[in-house]
C-alpha cells in the first residue's frame, strides 16, 4: 500500500514546488499588453514570438468542459503559460525561471 502511495505524495510535493502564479495580463517585449479575454489572433500579433511549446487538453470550468490550448513562452527569465479556450485568452500563469536556479543553489 505504501509503495503505491509514495509516488502520489512525491508528485504532489513536486507540483507545489513548481507552482505557477496567475495574472490578468502580461507585457510583451515590445511593451504591448495581453490580457484575459483577448482573442488568440490579438495574442499572436502582440507577442510576435513562437511558443516554446503548445499542448492541447481539456479545460473544465464548472460544468463545462472545453478544448484548451496551452502556449508556453519565455520572456525575460519568466515562463508564461497562456491558456486559450474558445479562441480567447482564458488564463495566464507565470513562473520565474531565475527563482528555480536560486532554489537549487541554496540546497
N, C-alpha and C. Protein backbone atom coordinates (compact mmCIF):
# COMPACT_ATOMS: atom_id res chain seq x y z
N UNK A 1 0.83 -1.19 0.00
CA UNK A 1 0.00 0.00 0.00
C UNK A 1 0.87 1.26 0.00
N UNK A 2 1.90 1.26 0.85
CA UNK A 2 2.79 2.42 0.94
C UNK A 2 3.54 2.65 -0.36
N UNK A 3 3.90 1.56 -1.05
CA UNK A 3 4.62 1.69 -2.33
C UNK A 3 3.76 2.39 -3.37
N UNK A 4 2.46 2.18 -3.32
CA UNK A 4 1.56 2.82 -4.27
C UNK A 4 1.29 4.28 -3.89
N UNK A 5 1.32 4.57 -2.62
CA UNK A 5 1.03 5.91 -2.14
C UNK A 5 2.21 6.86 -2.27
N UNK A 6 3.42 6.34 -2.16
CA UNK A 6 4.62 7.16 -2.21
C UNK A 6 4.77 7.96 -3.50
N UNK A 7 4.57 7.37 -4.70
CA UNK A 7 4.67 8.18 -5.92
C UNK A 7 3.65 9.32 -5.97
N UNK A 8 2.46 9.10 -5.45
CA UNK A 8 1.45 10.16 -5.43
C UNK A 8 1.89 11.31 -4.53
N UNK A 9 2.47 10.97 -3.39
CA UNK A 9 2.94 12.00 -2.47
C UNK A 9 4.07 12.80 -3.10
N UNK A 10 5.00 12.12 -3.75
CA UNK A 10 6.12 12.80 -4.39
C UNK A 10 5.66 13.71 -5.52
N UNK A 11 4.73 13.25 -6.34
CA UNK A 11 4.22 14.09 -7.43
C UNK A 11 3.51 15.31 -6.89
N UNK A 12 2.75 15.15 -5.83
CA UNK A 12 2.06 16.28 -5.22
C UNK A 12 3.06 17.29 -4.68
N UNK A 13 4.09 16.81 -4.01
CA UNK A 13 5.11 17.70 -3.46
C UNK A 13 5.84 18.45 -4.57
N UNK A 14 6.15 17.77 -5.67
CA UNK A 14 6.83 18.42 -6.79
C UNK A 14 5.95 19.48 -7.41
N UNK A 15 4.65 19.25 -7.50
CA UNK A 15 3.77 20.23 -8.11
C UNK A 15 3.70 21.50 -7.26
N UNK A 16 3.81 21.37 -5.93
CA UNK A 16 3.80 22.55 -5.08
C UNK A 16 5.08 23.35 -5.22
N UNK A 17 6.22 22.69 -5.44
CA UNK A 17 7.47 23.42 -5.55
C UNK A 17 7.59 24.15 -6.87
N UNK A 18 6.84 23.75 -7.87
CA UNK A 18 6.87 24.41 -9.16
C UNK A 18 5.54 25.09 -9.48
N UNK A 19 4.85 25.53 -8.45
CA UNK A 19 3.55 26.15 -8.65
C UNK A 19 3.70 27.47 -9.39
N UNK A 20 2.78 27.73 -10.25
CA UNK A 20 2.79 28.97 -11.01
C UNK A 20 1.83 29.97 -10.37
N UNK A 21 2.04 31.22 -10.67
CA UNK A 21 1.16 32.28 -10.21
C UNK A 21 0.28 32.70 -11.38
N UNK A 22 -0.90 33.18 -11.07
CA UNK A 22 -1.80 33.65 -12.12
C UNK A 22 -1.83 35.17 -12.14
N UNK A 23 -2.08 35.70 -13.32
CA UNK A 23 -2.19 37.13 -13.51
C UNK A 23 -3.27 37.41 -14.55
N UNK A 24 -3.70 38.65 -14.63
CA UNK A 24 -4.73 39.00 -15.61
C UNK A 24 -4.16 39.59 -16.89
N UNK A 25 -2.85 39.94 -16.88
CA UNK A 25 -2.23 40.46 -18.09
C UNK A 25 -0.71 40.35 -17.99
N UNK A 26 -0.07 40.40 -19.15
CA UNK A 26 1.39 40.43 -19.22
C UNK A 26 1.81 41.47 -20.25
N UNK A 27 3.03 41.94 -20.12
CA UNK A 27 3.59 42.90 -21.07
C UNK A 27 4.54 42.15 -22.00
N UNK A 28 4.38 42.38 -23.29
CA UNK A 28 5.24 41.74 -24.29
C UNK A 28 6.59 42.46 -24.32
N UNK A 29 7.61 41.86 -24.96
CA UNK A 29 8.90 42.54 -25.07
C UNK A 29 8.81 43.90 -25.78
N UNK A 30 7.79 44.08 -26.62
CA UNK A 30 7.63 45.35 -27.32
C UNK A 30 6.74 46.34 -26.57
N UNK A 31 6.33 45.98 -25.33
CA UNK A 31 5.58 46.90 -24.50
C UNK A 31 4.07 46.82 -24.64
N UNK A 32 3.56 45.90 -25.41
CA UNK A 32 2.12 45.76 -25.55
C UNK A 32 1.59 44.80 -24.48
N UNK A 33 0.31 44.88 -24.19
CA UNK A 33 -0.29 44.03 -23.16
C UNK A 33 -1.13 42.92 -23.79
N UNK A 34 -1.10 41.77 -23.14
CA UNK A 34 -2.00 40.67 -23.44
C UNK A 34 -2.80 40.44 -22.18
N UNK A 35 -4.12 40.46 -22.30
CA UNK A 35 -4.99 40.37 -21.12
C UNK A 35 -6.01 39.26 -21.29
N UNK A 36 -6.58 38.86 -20.15
CA UNK A 36 -7.66 37.88 -20.19
C UNK A 36 -8.77 38.40 -21.09
N UNK A 37 -9.32 37.54 -21.91
CA UNK A 37 -10.39 37.92 -22.82
C UNK A 37 -9.92 38.31 -24.21
N UNK A 38 -8.62 38.62 -24.37
CA UNK A 38 -8.10 38.96 -25.70
C UNK A 38 -8.26 37.76 -26.63
N UNK A 39 -8.38 38.03 -27.92
CA UNK A 39 -8.51 36.94 -28.89
C UNK A 39 -7.14 36.30 -29.13
N UNK A 40 -7.17 35.08 -29.62
CA UNK A 40 -5.95 34.36 -29.96
C UNK A 40 -5.14 35.14 -30.98
N UNK A 41 -5.81 35.71 -31.97
CA UNK A 41 -5.13 36.49 -33.02
C UNK A 41 -4.46 37.72 -32.42
N UNK A 42 -5.13 38.40 -31.49
CA UNK A 42 -4.52 39.56 -30.82
C UNK A 42 -3.26 39.13 -30.07
N UNK A 43 -3.34 37.98 -29.38
CA UNK A 43 -2.19 37.48 -28.63
C UNK A 43 -1.01 37.25 -29.57
N UNK A 44 -1.25 36.58 -30.68
CA UNK A 44 -0.18 36.30 -31.64
C UNK A 44 0.41 37.58 -32.22
N UNK A 45 -0.46 38.51 -32.59
CA UNK A 45 0.01 39.76 -33.19
C UNK A 45 0.83 40.60 -32.21
N UNK A 46 0.47 40.58 -30.94
CA UNK A 46 1.19 41.38 -29.95
C UNK A 46 2.49 40.72 -29.51
N UNK A 47 2.48 39.39 -29.37
CA UNK A 47 3.69 38.70 -28.91
C UNK A 47 4.77 38.62 -29.98
N UNK A 48 4.39 38.31 -31.19
CA UNK A 48 5.34 38.17 -32.30
C UNK A 48 6.48 37.21 -31.96
N UNK A 49 6.18 36.18 -31.16
CA UNK A 49 7.14 35.16 -30.78
C UNK A 49 6.57 33.78 -31.09
N UNK A 50 7.44 32.84 -31.35
CA UNK A 50 7.00 31.45 -31.46
C UNK A 50 6.98 30.87 -30.05
N UNK A 51 5.96 30.08 -29.73
CA UNK A 51 5.91 29.50 -28.39
C UNK A 51 7.00 28.45 -28.21
N UNK A 52 7.45 28.28 -26.97
CA UNK A 52 8.39 27.21 -26.64
C UNK A 52 7.73 25.85 -26.79
N UNK A 53 6.44 25.80 -26.47
CA UNK A 53 5.67 24.57 -26.62
C UNK A 53 4.19 24.89 -26.67
N UNK A 54 3.41 23.91 -27.09
CA UNK A 54 1.96 24.03 -27.13
C UNK A 54 1.37 22.66 -26.88
N UNK A 55 0.42 22.59 -25.97
CA UNK A 55 -0.29 21.33 -25.74
C UNK A 55 -1.78 21.61 -25.79
N UNK A 56 -2.53 20.59 -26.17
CA UNK A 56 -3.98 20.66 -26.20
C UNK A 56 -4.50 19.76 -25.08
N UNK A 57 -5.49 20.26 -24.35
CA UNK A 57 -6.04 19.49 -23.23
C UNK A 57 -7.48 19.91 -22.99
N UNK A 58 -8.13 19.20 -22.08
CA UNK A 58 -9.48 19.58 -21.68
C UNK A 58 -9.38 20.66 -20.61
N UNK A 59 -10.31 21.60 -20.66
CA UNK A 59 -10.36 22.67 -19.66
C UNK A 59 -11.75 22.63 -19.04
N UNK A 60 -11.79 22.37 -17.74
CA UNK A 60 -13.07 22.27 -17.05
C UNK A 60 -13.33 23.56 -16.28
N UNK A 61 -14.46 24.16 -16.54
CA UNK A 61 -14.88 25.39 -15.87
C UNK A 61 -16.30 25.15 -15.36
N UNK A 62 -16.40 24.74 -14.11
CA UNK A 62 -17.72 24.38 -13.57
C UNK A 62 -18.23 23.12 -14.24
N UNK A 63 -19.39 23.20 -14.83
CA UNK A 63 -20.00 22.06 -15.53
C UNK A 63 -19.46 21.92 -16.96
N UNK A 64 -18.90 22.99 -17.50
CA UNK A 64 -18.46 22.99 -18.90
C UNK A 64 -17.07 22.38 -19.05
N UNK A 65 -16.90 21.61 -20.12
CA UNK A 65 -15.59 21.08 -20.48
C UNK A 65 -15.32 21.52 -21.91
N UNK A 66 -14.25 22.27 -22.09
CA UNK A 66 -13.89 22.79 -23.41
C UNK A 66 -12.50 22.31 -23.78
N UNK A 67 -12.17 22.47 -25.05
CA UNK A 67 -10.83 22.19 -25.53
C UNK A 67 -9.98 23.43 -25.28
N UNK A 68 -8.82 23.23 -24.66
CA UNK A 68 -7.92 24.35 -24.36
C UNK A 68 -6.57 24.08 -24.98
N UNK A 69 -5.89 25.16 -25.32
CA UNK A 69 -4.52 25.07 -25.82
C UNK A 69 -3.65 25.91 -24.90
N UNK A 70 -2.60 25.29 -24.36
CA UNK A 70 -1.64 25.98 -23.50
C UNK A 70 -0.40 26.31 -24.32
N UNK A 71 -0.10 27.59 -24.44
CA UNK A 71 1.09 28.05 -25.14
C UNK A 71 2.08 28.54 -24.10
N UNK A 72 3.33 28.05 -24.17
CA UNK A 72 4.37 28.46 -23.24
C UNK A 72 5.36 29.38 -23.96
N UNK A 73 5.64 30.51 -23.33
CA UNK A 73 6.58 31.49 -23.84
C UNK A 73 7.56 31.86 -22.74
N UNK A 74 8.83 32.00 -23.08
CA UNK A 74 9.81 32.50 -22.12
C UNK A 74 10.15 33.93 -22.52
N UNK A 75 9.90 34.84 -21.59
CA UNK A 75 10.16 36.26 -21.80
C UNK A 75 10.90 36.79 -20.59
N UNK A 76 12.15 37.24 -20.79
CA UNK A 76 12.95 37.87 -19.74
C UNK A 76 12.94 37.07 -18.44
N UNK A 77 13.39 35.83 -18.50
CA UNK A 77 13.51 34.94 -17.33
C UNK A 77 12.18 34.58 -16.68
N UNK A 78 11.11 34.78 -17.39
CA UNK A 78 9.79 34.37 -16.91
C UNK A 78 9.20 33.39 -17.92
N UNK A 79 8.60 32.33 -17.41
CA UNK A 79 7.90 31.38 -18.28
C UNK A 79 6.41 31.64 -18.11
N UNK A 80 5.77 31.99 -19.23
CA UNK A 80 4.34 32.26 -19.22
C UNK A 80 3.60 31.12 -19.91
N UNK A 81 2.52 30.68 -19.31
CA UNK A 81 1.61 29.73 -19.95
C UNK A 81 0.31 30.47 -20.19
N UNK A 82 -0.03 30.62 -21.46
CA UNK A 82 -1.26 31.32 -21.84
C UNK A 82 -2.24 30.26 -22.33
N UNK A 83 -3.37 30.16 -21.64
CA UNK A 83 -4.39 29.17 -21.98
C UNK A 83 -5.45 29.83 -22.84
N UNK A 84 -5.67 29.22 -24.01
CA UNK A 84 -6.67 29.70 -24.97
C UNK A 84 -7.86 28.74 -24.94
N UNK A 85 -9.06 29.27 -24.71
CA UNK A 85 -10.29 28.50 -24.75
C UNK A 85 -11.28 29.28 -25.61
N UNK A 86 -11.88 28.59 -26.57
CA UNK A 86 -12.84 29.23 -27.48
C UNK A 86 -12.26 30.49 -28.13
N UNK A 87 -11.01 30.40 -28.56
CA UNK A 87 -10.31 31.45 -29.30
C UNK A 87 -10.03 32.71 -28.48
N UNK A 88 -10.07 32.60 -27.13
CA UNK A 88 -9.78 33.75 -26.28
C UNK A 88 -8.86 33.34 -25.13
N UNK A 89 -8.10 34.31 -24.64
CA UNK A 89 -7.20 34.08 -23.51
C UNK A 89 -8.06 33.85 -22.27
N UNK A 90 -7.94 32.67 -21.71
CA UNK A 90 -8.75 32.30 -20.54
C UNK A 90 -7.94 32.39 -19.24
N UNK A 91 -6.64 32.09 -19.31
CA UNK A 91 -5.82 32.08 -18.11
C UNK A 91 -4.38 32.40 -18.50
N UNK A 92 -3.69 33.13 -17.62
CA UNK A 92 -2.27 33.43 -17.81
C UNK A 92 -1.56 33.06 -16.51
N UNK A 93 -0.60 32.16 -16.62
CA UNK A 93 0.20 31.77 -15.47
C UNK A 93 1.65 32.16 -15.72
N UNK A 94 2.37 32.48 -14.67
CA UNK A 94 3.78 32.84 -14.82
C UNK A 94 4.61 32.10 -13.79
N UNK A 95 5.86 31.89 -14.17
CA UNK A 95 6.82 31.20 -13.32
C UNK A 95 8.17 31.86 -13.53
N UNK A 96 8.81 32.28 -12.44
CA UNK A 96 10.11 32.94 -12.51
C UNK A 96 11.19 31.86 -12.65
N UNK A 97 11.82 31.76 -13.81
CA UNK A 97 12.84 30.73 -14.03
C UNK A 97 14.09 31.00 -13.21
N UNK A 98 14.37 32.25 -12.86
CA UNK A 98 15.51 32.58 -12.00
C UNK A 98 15.32 32.02 -10.60
N UNK A 99 14.09 31.99 -10.12
CA UNK A 99 13.83 31.50 -8.76
C UNK A 99 14.20 30.03 -8.64
N UNK A 100 13.95 29.25 -9.70
CA UNK A 100 14.30 27.83 -9.67
C UNK A 100 15.81 27.66 -9.53
N UNK A 101 16.58 28.50 -10.22
CA UNK A 101 18.04 28.43 -10.14
C UNK A 101 18.50 28.81 -8.74
N UNK A 102 17.91 29.87 -8.17
CA UNK A 102 18.25 30.29 -6.81
C UNK A 102 17.95 29.19 -5.80
N UNK A 103 16.79 28.54 -5.97
CA UNK A 103 16.41 27.46 -5.05
C UNK A 103 17.40 26.31 -5.13
N UNK A 104 17.87 25.98 -6.33
CA UNK A 104 18.83 24.88 -6.49
C UNK A 104 20.17 25.25 -5.86
N UNK A 105 20.60 26.50 -5.97
CA UNK A 105 21.87 26.93 -5.40
C UNK A 105 21.82 26.93 -3.87
N UNK A 106 20.66 27.18 -3.30
CA UNK A 106 20.51 27.24 -1.85
C UNK A 106 20.49 25.85 -1.21
N UNK A 107 20.29 24.82 -2.00
CA UNK A 107 20.21 23.46 -1.44
C UNK A 107 21.57 22.87 -1.20
